[in-house]
C-alpha cells in the first residue's frame, strides 16, 4: 500500500507529537525505573516500526534535519539506512538485468561463461563482508549510546561506496 510522501510526513508529525505527549504525561512517574524503561522501550519500538514505513528520502521526518537526542539520531540513521539499502538493491537488480541480457545475447553465442551468476555471487559476498565489518566495529565500541550509531554509520558508509561501485554499470 503506497502512501504519498506528503501524507507520510503528516503521519510522522502526528506520530511524533503523540509520542512526545505520552512522554510528557508520564514524566511524573519517571521516578520508577521499571516504568521509565517500559516507556523508553515502547517509544523506541514505536519509532523503529514507524521508520520501516519510509520508502524514500522525501519520507524522512523533519526531526531528522537536526536530531537532538540519541534515540532520534538512531531513528534517523535507521531510516537513512533503509533508504540506502533499497537504493543498493534497486541498482543491483537493474545491473543484474543488464548482465543477464548480456549473457543471453553475447556470451552464450560465443560459448563464454555467464557473468550474471558471478555478479550475484559478488553481491552476496559484499553483503557478508559489510555485515561482518560493521558487526566487528559495533563490538569494538563496547557499550554505550554511540554503539548503535557507529554501527549504522558503518552500514551507511558501505552502502554509499557500493552505490558508487554499481553506478558505472547502469
N, C-alpha and C. Protein backbone atom coordinates (compact mmCIF):
# COMPACT_ATOMS: atom_id res chain seq x y z
N UNK A 1 0.84 -1.16 0.00
CA UNK A 1 0.00 0.00 0.00
C UNK A 1 0.89 1.23 0.00
N UNK A 2 0.93 1.95 -1.10
CA UNK A 2 1.80 3.12 -1.22
C UNK A 2 1.09 4.35 -0.66
N UNK A 3 1.82 5.13 0.09
CA UNK A 3 1.32 6.37 0.65
C UNK A 3 2.19 7.48 0.11
N UNK A 4 1.58 8.59 -0.27
CA UNK A 4 2.38 9.68 -0.81
C UNK A 4 3.26 10.27 0.27
N UNK A 5 4.33 10.91 -0.16
CA UNK A 5 5.30 11.49 0.77
C UNK A 5 4.65 12.52 1.68
N UNK A 6 3.79 13.36 1.13
CA UNK A 6 3.13 14.40 1.93
C UNK A 6 2.27 13.76 3.02
N UNK A 7 1.54 12.71 2.66
CA UNK A 7 0.72 12.02 3.65
C UNK A 7 1.59 11.36 4.70
N UNK A 8 2.69 10.79 4.28
CA UNK A 8 3.55 10.10 5.22
C UNK A 8 4.21 11.09 6.18
N UNK A 9 4.65 12.24 5.67
CA UNK A 9 5.24 13.26 6.54
C UNK A 9 4.22 13.75 7.55
N UNK A 10 2.99 13.92 7.11
CA UNK A 10 1.93 14.33 8.02
C UNK A 10 1.74 13.27 9.10
N UNK A 11 1.78 12.01 8.71
CA UNK A 11 1.66 10.92 9.66
C UNK A 11 2.82 10.90 10.64
N UNK A 12 4.01 11.19 10.13
CA UNK A 12 5.20 11.26 11.00
C UNK A 12 5.02 12.33 12.05
N UNK A 13 4.59 13.54 11.61
CA UNK A 13 4.43 14.64 12.55
C UNK A 13 3.43 14.25 13.64
N UNK A 14 2.32 13.67 13.23
CA UNK A 14 1.30 13.26 14.19
C UNK A 14 1.84 12.20 15.14
N UNK A 15 2.57 11.22 14.59
CA UNK A 15 3.13 10.15 15.41
C UNK A 15 4.12 10.69 16.42
N UNK A 16 4.98 11.59 15.98
CA UNK A 16 5.97 12.16 16.89
C UNK A 16 5.29 13.00 17.97
N UNK A 17 4.28 13.77 17.58
CA UNK A 17 3.56 14.59 18.56
C UNK A 17 2.90 13.70 19.62
N UNK A 18 2.27 12.63 19.19
CA UNK A 18 1.63 11.70 20.13
C UNK A 18 2.67 11.09 21.06
N UNK A 19 3.79 10.66 20.49
CA UNK A 19 4.84 10.05 21.32
C UNK A 19 5.36 11.04 22.36
N UNK A 20 5.56 12.27 21.95
CA UNK A 20 6.06 13.27 22.90
C UNK A 20 5.00 13.61 23.95
N UNK A 21 3.72 13.63 23.57
CA UNK A 21 2.66 13.88 24.53
C UNK A 21 2.60 12.76 25.57
N UNK A 22 2.72 11.53 25.11
CA UNK A 22 2.72 10.39 26.04
C UNK A 22 3.90 10.52 26.99
N UNK A 23 5.05 10.87 26.45
CA UNK A 23 6.25 11.00 27.28
C UNK A 23 6.05 12.12 28.31
N UNK A 24 5.50 13.24 27.90
CA UNK A 24 5.28 14.37 28.81
C UNK A 24 4.29 13.99 29.93
N UNK A 25 3.21 13.28 29.57
CA UNK A 25 2.21 12.89 30.57
C UNK A 25 2.79 11.92 31.59
N UNK A 26 3.77 11.14 31.19
CA UNK A 26 4.30 10.12 32.08
C UNK A 26 5.50 10.60 32.88
N UNK A 27 5.98 11.82 32.64
CA UNK A 27 7.15 12.31 33.35
C UNK A 27 7.03 12.25 34.87
N UNK A 28 5.89 12.59 35.47
CA UNK A 28 5.82 12.50 36.92
C UNK A 28 6.08 11.09 37.45
N UNK A 29 5.81 10.08 36.67
CA UNK A 29 6.01 8.70 37.08
C UNK A 29 7.42 8.21 36.82
N UNK A 30 8.27 9.04 36.28
CA UNK A 30 9.60 8.61 35.89
C UNK A 30 10.50 8.24 37.06
N UNK A 31 10.05 8.46 38.28
CA UNK A 31 10.88 8.08 39.40
C UNK A 31 10.96 6.56 39.55
N UNK A 32 10.09 5.86 38.89
CA UNK A 32 10.09 4.40 38.93
C UNK A 32 10.92 3.89 37.74
N UNK A 33 12.08 3.30 38.00
CA UNK A 33 12.94 2.86 36.90
C UNK A 33 12.29 1.89 35.93
N UNK A 34 11.48 0.97 36.43
CA UNK A 34 10.87 -0.01 35.53
C UNK A 34 9.87 0.65 34.57
N UNK A 35 9.16 1.67 35.03
CA UNK A 35 8.22 2.37 34.16
C UNK A 35 8.99 3.17 33.12
N UNK A 36 10.07 3.79 33.54
CA UNK A 36 10.90 4.55 32.61
C UNK A 36 11.41 3.64 31.51
N UNK A 37 11.88 2.46 31.88
CA UNK A 37 12.39 1.51 30.90
C UNK A 37 11.28 1.05 29.96
N UNK A 38 10.09 0.80 30.48
CA UNK A 38 8.98 0.37 29.64
C UNK A 38 8.59 1.46 28.65
N UNK A 39 8.53 2.69 29.11
CA UNK A 39 8.18 3.80 28.23
C UNK A 39 9.25 3.96 27.16
N UNK A 40 10.51 3.90 27.57
CA UNK A 40 11.61 4.04 26.62
C UNK A 40 11.56 2.95 25.57
N UNK A 41 11.36 1.71 26.00
CA UNK A 41 11.28 0.60 25.05
C UNK A 41 10.08 0.77 24.11
N UNK A 42 8.97 1.21 24.66
CA UNK A 42 7.77 1.41 23.82
C UNK A 42 8.01 2.49 22.78
N UNK A 43 8.64 3.59 23.19
CA UNK A 43 8.91 4.68 22.25
C UNK A 43 9.91 4.25 21.18
N UNK A 44 10.95 3.56 21.59
CA UNK A 44 11.94 3.08 20.62
C UNK A 44 11.27 2.13 19.63
N UNK A 45 10.47 1.20 20.16
CA UNK A 45 9.76 0.27 19.30
C UNK A 45 8.83 0.99 18.33
N UNK A 46 8.14 1.99 18.84
CA UNK A 46 7.24 2.78 18.00
C UNK A 46 8.01 3.45 16.86
N UNK A 47 9.15 4.08 17.20
CA UNK A 47 9.94 4.77 16.19
C UNK A 47 10.53 3.79 15.18
N UNK A 48 10.98 2.65 15.65
CA UNK A 48 11.58 1.67 14.75
C UNK A 48 10.53 1.14 13.77
N UNK A 49 9.38 0.78 14.28
CA UNK A 49 8.31 0.27 13.41
C UNK A 49 7.89 1.35 12.42
N UNK A 50 7.74 2.57 12.89
CA UNK A 50 7.35 3.66 12.01
C UNK A 50 8.41 3.90 10.95
N UNK A 51 9.68 3.78 11.31
CA UNK A 51 10.77 4.02 10.36
C UNK A 51 10.71 3.06 9.18
N UNK A 52 10.25 1.84 9.39
CA UNK A 52 10.21 0.87 8.32
C UNK A 52 9.16 1.20 7.26
N UNK A 53 8.28 2.15 7.52
CA UNK A 53 7.29 2.53 6.53
C UNK A 53 7.81 3.59 5.58
N UNK A 54 9.00 4.13 5.84
CA UNK A 54 9.58 5.12 4.93
C UNK A 54 10.07 4.41 3.67
N UNK A 55 9.83 5.03 2.53
CA UNK A 55 10.24 4.40 1.29
C UNK A 55 11.34 5.17 0.56
N UNK A 56 11.43 6.47 0.77
CA UNK A 56 12.46 7.23 0.07
C UNK A 56 12.82 8.48 0.85
N UNK A 57 13.76 9.24 0.33
CA UNK A 57 14.32 10.37 1.07
C UNK A 57 13.27 11.43 1.42
N UNK A 58 12.25 11.57 0.62
CA UNK A 58 11.23 12.57 0.93
C UNK A 58 10.42 12.20 2.16
N UNK A 59 10.49 10.93 2.57
CA UNK A 59 9.70 10.47 3.70
C UNK A 59 10.41 10.62 5.04
N UNK A 60 11.65 11.10 5.04
CA UNK A 60 12.38 11.26 6.29
C UNK A 60 11.70 12.36 7.10
N UNK A 61 11.39 12.09 8.36
CA UNK A 61 10.69 13.08 9.17
C UNK A 61 11.54 14.33 9.39
N UNK A 62 10.87 15.44 9.66
CA UNK A 62 11.58 16.71 9.86
C UNK A 62 12.53 16.65 11.04
N UNK A 63 12.23 15.82 12.03
CA UNK A 63 13.09 15.71 13.20
C UNK A 63 14.50 15.28 12.78
N UNK A 64 14.63 14.63 11.63
CA UNK A 64 15.94 14.17 11.17
C UNK A 64 16.79 15.29 10.59
N UNK A 65 16.21 16.46 10.38
CA UNK A 65 17.01 17.58 9.90
C UNK A 65 18.00 18.03 10.96
N UNK A 66 17.64 17.91 12.22
CA UNK A 66 18.55 18.24 13.32
C UNK A 66 18.14 17.45 14.56
N UNK A 67 18.46 16.14 14.56
CA UNK A 67 18.09 15.31 15.72
C UNK A 67 18.80 15.79 16.98
N UNK A 68 18.07 15.79 18.09
CA UNK A 68 18.63 16.31 19.33
C UNK A 68 18.94 15.23 20.34
N UNK A 69 18.30 14.12 20.26
CA UNK A 69 18.50 13.04 21.23
C UNK A 69 19.09 11.82 20.55
N UNK A 70 19.73 10.98 21.34
CA UNK A 70 20.32 9.76 20.80
C UNK A 70 19.31 8.88 20.09
N UNK A 71 18.11 8.76 20.67
CA UNK A 71 17.08 7.93 20.05
C UNK A 71 16.65 8.51 18.70
N UNK A 72 16.58 9.84 18.62
CA UNK A 72 16.23 10.46 17.34
C UNK A 72 17.32 10.21 16.31
N UNK A 73 18.58 10.28 16.74
CA UNK A 73 19.68 10.02 15.82
C UNK A 73 19.64 8.59 15.31
N UNK A 74 19.37 7.65 16.19
CA UNK A 74 19.28 6.24 15.79
C UNK A 74 18.12 6.06 14.82
N UNK A 75 16.97 6.64 15.13
CA UNK A 75 15.82 6.53 14.24
C UNK A 75 16.15 7.08 12.86
N UNK A 76 16.74 8.25 12.82
CA UNK A 76 17.04 8.89 11.54
C UNK A 76 18.07 8.08 10.75
N UNK A 77 19.04 7.53 11.43
CA UNK A 77 20.04 6.72 10.74
C UNK A 77 19.41 5.42 10.23
N UNK A 78 18.47 4.86 10.97
CA UNK A 78 17.78 3.65 10.50
C UNK A 78 16.95 3.95 9.25
N UNK A 79 16.31 5.10 9.24
CA UNK A 79 15.54 5.50 8.06
C UNK A 79 16.48 5.67 6.88
N UNK A 80 17.60 6.37 7.10
CA UNK A 80 18.58 6.58 6.03
C UNK A 80 19.15 5.25 5.55
N UNK A 81 19.39 4.33 6.48
CA UNK A 81 19.92 3.02 6.10
C UNK A 81 18.91 2.25 5.25
N UNK A 82 17.66 2.30 5.64
CA UNK A 82 16.63 1.60 4.86
C UNK A 82 16.56 2.16 3.45
N UNK A 83 16.65 3.46 3.33
CA UNK A 83 16.60 4.11 2.02
C UNK A 83 17.82 3.72 1.19
N UNK A 84 19.02 3.80 1.79
CA UNK A 84 20.24 3.49 1.03
C UNK A 84 20.30 2.01 0.67
N UNK A 85 19.83 1.14 1.55
CA UNK A 85 19.80 -0.29 1.26
C UNK A 85 18.87 -0.57 0.08
N UNK A 86 17.74 0.11 0.05
CA UNK A 86 16.81 -0.06 -1.08
C UNK A 86 17.44 0.45 -2.37
N UNK A 87 18.19 1.55 -2.30
CA UNK A 87 18.87 2.06 -3.49
C UNK A 87 19.91 1.06 -4.00
N UNK A 88 20.67 0.46 -3.08
CA UNK A 88 21.66 -0.55 -3.48
C UNK A 88 20.94 -1.73 -4.13
N UNK A 89 19.87 -2.19 -3.53
CA UNK A 89 19.11 -3.32 -4.08
C UNK A 89 18.57 -3.00 -5.46
N UNK A 90 17.99 -1.81 -5.61
CA UNK A 90 17.42 -1.42 -6.91
C UNK A 90 18.50 -1.34 -7.99
N UNK A 91 19.63 -0.74 -7.65
CA UNK A 91 20.71 -0.61 -8.62
C UNK A 91 21.32 -1.97 -8.95
N UNK A 92 21.46 -2.82 -7.95
CA UNK A 92 21.95 -4.17 -8.19
C UNK A 92 21.00 -4.90 -9.15
N UNK A 93 19.70 -4.84 -8.88
CA UNK A 93 18.73 -5.53 -9.74
C UNK A 93 18.75 -4.99 -11.16
N UNK A 94 18.90 -3.69 -11.30
CA UNK A 94 19.00 -3.08 -12.63
C UNK A 94 20.24 -3.61 -13.36
N UNK A 95 21.36 -3.65 -12.66
CA UNK A 95 22.59 -4.17 -13.27
C UNK A 95 22.48 -5.66 -13.57
N UNK A 96 21.82 -6.40 -12.69
CA UNK A 96 21.66 -7.84 -12.89
C UNK A 96 20.87 -8.10 -14.17
N UNK A 97 19.85 -7.32 -14.41
CA UNK A 97 19.07 -7.46 -15.64
C UNK A 97 19.95 -7.23 -16.86
N UNK A 98 20.83 -6.24 -16.76
CA UNK A 98 21.75 -5.95 -17.85
C UNK A 98 22.74 -7.12 -18.05
N UNK A 99 23.27 -7.64 -16.95
CA UNK A 99 24.18 -8.78 -17.04
C UNK A 99 23.49 -9.99 -17.67
N UNK A 100 22.27 -10.26 -17.25
CA UNK A 100 21.55 -11.42 -17.79
C UNK A 100 21.29 -11.25 -19.29
N UNK A 101 20.94 -10.04 -19.69
CA UNK A 101 20.74 -9.77 -21.12
C UNK A 101 22.02 -9.97 -21.90
N UNK A 102 23.12 -9.50 -21.34
CA UNK A 102 24.42 -9.67 -21.98
C UNK A 102 24.78 -11.15 -22.09
N UNK A 103 24.49 -11.89 -21.02
CA UNK A 103 24.77 -13.34 -21.03
C UNK A 103 24.00 -14.02 -22.15
N UNK A 104 22.74 -13.68 -22.31
CA UNK A 104 21.89 -14.30 -23.34
C UNK A 104 22.32 -13.89 -24.74
N UNK A 105 22.57 -12.61 -24.93
CA UNK A 105 22.77 -12.08 -26.29
C UNK A 105 24.20 -12.20 -26.81
N UNK A 106 25.17 -12.20 -25.93
CA UNK A 106 26.56 -12.18 -26.41
C UNK A 106 27.34 -13.40 -25.94
N UNK A 107 27.42 -13.59 -24.64
CA UNK A 107 28.29 -14.62 -24.09
C UNK A 107 27.86 -16.04 -24.47
N UNK A 108 26.57 -16.30 -24.45
CA UNK A 108 26.08 -17.65 -24.77
C UNK A 108 26.40 -18.00 -26.22
N UNK A 109 26.28 -17.04 -27.11
CA UNK A 109 26.57 -17.28 -28.53
C UNK A 109 28.05 -17.57 -28.76
N UNK A 110 28.89 -16.97 -27.93
CA UNK A 110 30.34 -17.18 -28.07
C UNK A 110 30.82 -18.33 -27.20
N UNK A 111 29.89 -18.99 -26.52
CA UNK A 111 30.21 -20.11 -25.62
C UNK A 111 31.17 -19.70 -24.51
N UNK A 112 30.94 -18.51 -23.97
CA UNK A 112 31.74 -17.99 -22.86
C UNK A 112 30.96 -18.14 -21.56
N UNK A 113 31.64 -18.18 -20.43
CA UNK A 113 30.93 -18.31 -19.14
C UNK A 113 30.04 -17.10 -18.88
N UNK A 114 28.93 -17.36 -18.21
CA UNK A 114 27.97 -16.30 -17.89
C UNK A 114 28.52 -15.38 -16.80
N UNK A 115 28.21 -14.10 -16.93
CA UNK A 115 28.68 -13.11 -15.97
C UNK A 115 27.69 -12.89 -14.82
N UNK A 116 26.40 -13.05 -15.08
CA UNK A 116 25.37 -12.76 -14.07
C UNK A 116 25.54 -13.58 -12.79
N UNK A 117 25.80 -14.89 -12.87
CA UNK A 117 25.97 -15.64 -11.62
C UNK A 117 27.16 -15.14 -10.78
N UNK A 118 28.22 -14.73 -11.44
CA UNK A 118 29.38 -14.20 -10.72
C UNK A 118 29.06 -12.84 -10.10
N UNK A 119 28.27 -12.05 -10.80
CA UNK A 119 27.86 -10.75 -10.27
C UNK A 119 26.99 -10.96 -9.02
N UNK A 120 26.08 -11.94 -9.07
CA UNK A 120 25.24 -12.24 -7.91
C UNK A 120 26.09 -12.75 -6.75
N UNK A 121 27.08 -13.59 -7.04
CA UNK A 121 27.97 -14.10 -6.00
C UNK A 121 28.77 -12.95 -5.37
N UNK A 122 29.21 -12.02 -6.20
CA UNK A 122 29.96 -10.86 -5.69
C UNK A 122 29.09 -10.02 -4.75
N UNK A 123 27.82 -9.83 -5.10
CA UNK A 123 26.92 -9.04 -4.25
C UNK A 123 26.69 -9.75 -2.92
N UNK A 124 26.53 -11.05 -2.97
CA UNK A 124 26.33 -11.82 -1.74
C UNK A 124 27.57 -11.73 -0.84
N UNK A 125 28.73 -11.83 -1.44
CA UNK A 125 29.99 -11.72 -0.68
C UNK A 125 30.16 -10.32 -0.11
N UNK A 126 29.81 -9.30 -0.89
CA UNK A 126 29.91 -7.92 -0.43
C UNK A 126 29.00 -7.72 0.78
N UNK A 127 27.79 -8.25 0.72
CA UNK A 127 26.84 -8.11 1.83
C UNK A 127 27.38 -8.77 3.09
N UNK A 128 27.94 -9.95 2.95
CA UNK A 128 28.52 -10.64 4.11
C UNK A 128 29.70 -9.86 4.67
N UNK A 129 30.53 -9.32 3.81
CA UNK A 129 31.68 -8.52 4.23
C UNK A 129 31.22 -7.27 4.97
N UNK A 130 30.23 -6.59 4.42
CA UNK A 130 29.69 -5.37 5.04
C UNK A 130 29.17 -5.67 6.44
N UNK A 131 28.37 -6.71 6.54
CA UNK A 131 27.77 -7.05 7.83
C UNK A 131 28.83 -7.46 8.85
N UNK A 132 29.82 -8.24 8.44
CA UNK A 132 30.87 -8.68 9.36
C UNK A 132 31.75 -7.51 9.80
N UNK A 133 32.09 -6.64 8.87
CA UNK A 133 32.93 -5.48 9.20
C UNK A 133 32.23 -4.56 10.18
N UNK A 134 30.97 -4.28 9.92
CA UNK A 134 30.23 -3.37 10.80
C UNK A 134 29.93 -4.01 12.15
N UNK A 135 29.70 -5.30 12.16
CA UNK A 135 29.49 -6.00 13.42
C UNK A 135 30.76 -5.96 14.27
N UNK A 136 31.92 -6.10 13.62
CA UNK A 136 33.20 -6.01 14.34
C UNK A 136 33.36 -4.60 14.94
N UNK A 137 33.00 -3.58 14.18
CA UNK A 137 33.09 -2.21 14.69
C UNK A 137 32.11 -2.01 15.85
N UNK A 138 30.93 -2.57 15.72
CA UNK A 138 29.91 -2.50 16.78
C UNK A 138 30.44 -3.13 18.07
N UNK A 139 31.03 -4.30 17.95
CA UNK A 139 31.58 -4.99 19.12
C UNK A 139 32.78 -4.26 19.69
N UNK A 140 33.58 -3.64 18.84
CA UNK A 140 34.77 -2.93 19.29
C UNK A 140 34.41 -1.73 20.17
N UNK A 141 33.32 -1.05 19.82
CA UNK A 141 32.90 0.14 20.57
C UNK A 141 32.52 -0.24 22.00
N UNK A 142 32.06 -1.47 22.20
CA UNK A 142 31.67 -1.90 23.55
C UNK A 142 30.24 -1.51 23.83
N UNK A 143 30.04 -0.86 24.96
CA UNK A 143 28.67 -0.47 25.31
C UNK A 143 28.57 1.05 25.25
N UNK A 144 27.36 1.51 25.35
CA UNK A 144 27.13 2.95 25.36
C UNK A 144 26.22 3.37 24.24
N UNK A 145 25.82 4.62 24.29
CA UNK A 145 24.84 5.13 23.34
C UNK A 145 25.40 5.28 21.93
N UNK A 146 26.71 5.39 21.80
CA UNK A 146 27.29 5.56 20.47
C UNK A 146 27.41 4.25 19.70
N UNK A 147 27.25 3.15 20.38
CA UNK A 147 27.45 1.84 19.77
C UNK A 147 26.57 1.64 18.53
N UNK A 148 25.29 1.83 18.69
CA UNK A 148 24.39 1.62 17.55
C UNK A 148 24.58 2.69 16.48
N UNK A 149 24.86 3.90 16.89
CA UNK A 149 25.09 4.98 15.92
C UNK A 149 26.32 4.66 15.07
N UNK A 150 27.39 4.19 15.70
CA UNK A 150 28.60 3.80 14.96
C UNK A 150 28.30 2.66 13.98
N UNK A 151 27.52 1.70 14.44
CA UNK A 151 27.15 0.56 13.60
C UNK A 151 26.36 1.02 12.37
N UNK A 152 25.37 1.86 12.60
CA UNK A 152 24.55 2.36 11.49
C UNK A 152 25.38 3.22 10.55
N UNK A 153 26.28 4.05 11.10
CA UNK A 153 27.16 4.85 10.26
C UNK A 153 28.02 3.96 9.36
N UNK A 154 28.52 2.88 9.93
CA UNK A 154 29.33 1.93 9.16
C UNK A 154 28.52 1.35 8.00
N UNK A 155 27.31 0.89 8.27
CA UNK A 155 26.47 0.32 7.22
C UNK A 155 26.15 1.36 6.15
N UNK A 156 25.87 2.57 6.58
CA UNK A 156 25.57 3.65 5.63
C UNK A 156 26.77 3.94 4.73
N UNK A 157 27.95 3.96 5.31
CA UNK A 157 29.17 4.22 4.53
C UNK A 157 29.41 3.10 3.51
N UNK A 158 29.22 1.86 3.91
CA UNK A 158 29.36 0.74 2.98
C UNK A 158 28.36 0.89 1.82
N UNK A 159 27.11 1.22 2.15
CA UNK A 159 26.10 1.38 1.10
C UNK A 159 26.47 2.51 0.14
N UNK A 160 26.97 3.60 0.70
CA UNK A 160 27.36 4.74 -0.14
C UNK A 160 28.44 4.32 -1.14
N UNK A 161 29.45 3.61 -0.64
CA UNK A 161 30.53 3.17 -1.53
C UNK A 161 30.01 2.15 -2.56
N UNK A 162 29.11 1.28 -2.14
CA UNK A 162 28.57 0.28 -3.07
C UNK A 162 27.76 0.94 -4.18
N UNK A 163 27.02 1.97 -3.84
CA UNK A 163 26.27 2.70 -4.87
C UNK A 163 27.21 3.28 -5.91
N UNK A 164 28.34 3.82 -5.46
CA UNK A 164 29.33 4.36 -6.38
C UNK A 164 29.92 3.26 -7.27
N UNK A 165 30.13 2.08 -6.71
CA UNK A 165 30.66 0.95 -7.47
C UNK A 165 29.66 0.46 -8.52
N UNK A 166 28.39 0.44 -8.18
CA UNK A 166 27.37 -0.11 -9.06
C UNK A 166 26.96 0.87 -10.17
N UNK A 167 27.09 2.15 -9.93
CA UNK A 167 26.62 3.14 -10.91
C UNK A 167 27.30 3.06 -12.27
N UNK A 168 28.61 2.80 -12.37
CA UNK A 168 29.22 2.74 -13.71
C UNK A 168 28.60 1.67 -14.61
N UNK A 169 28.00 0.65 -14.01
CA UNK A 169 27.40 -0.44 -14.79
C UNK A 169 26.02 -0.06 -15.32
N UNK A 170 25.37 0.88 -14.65
CA UNK A 170 23.98 1.17 -15.04
C UNK A 170 23.90 2.17 -16.18
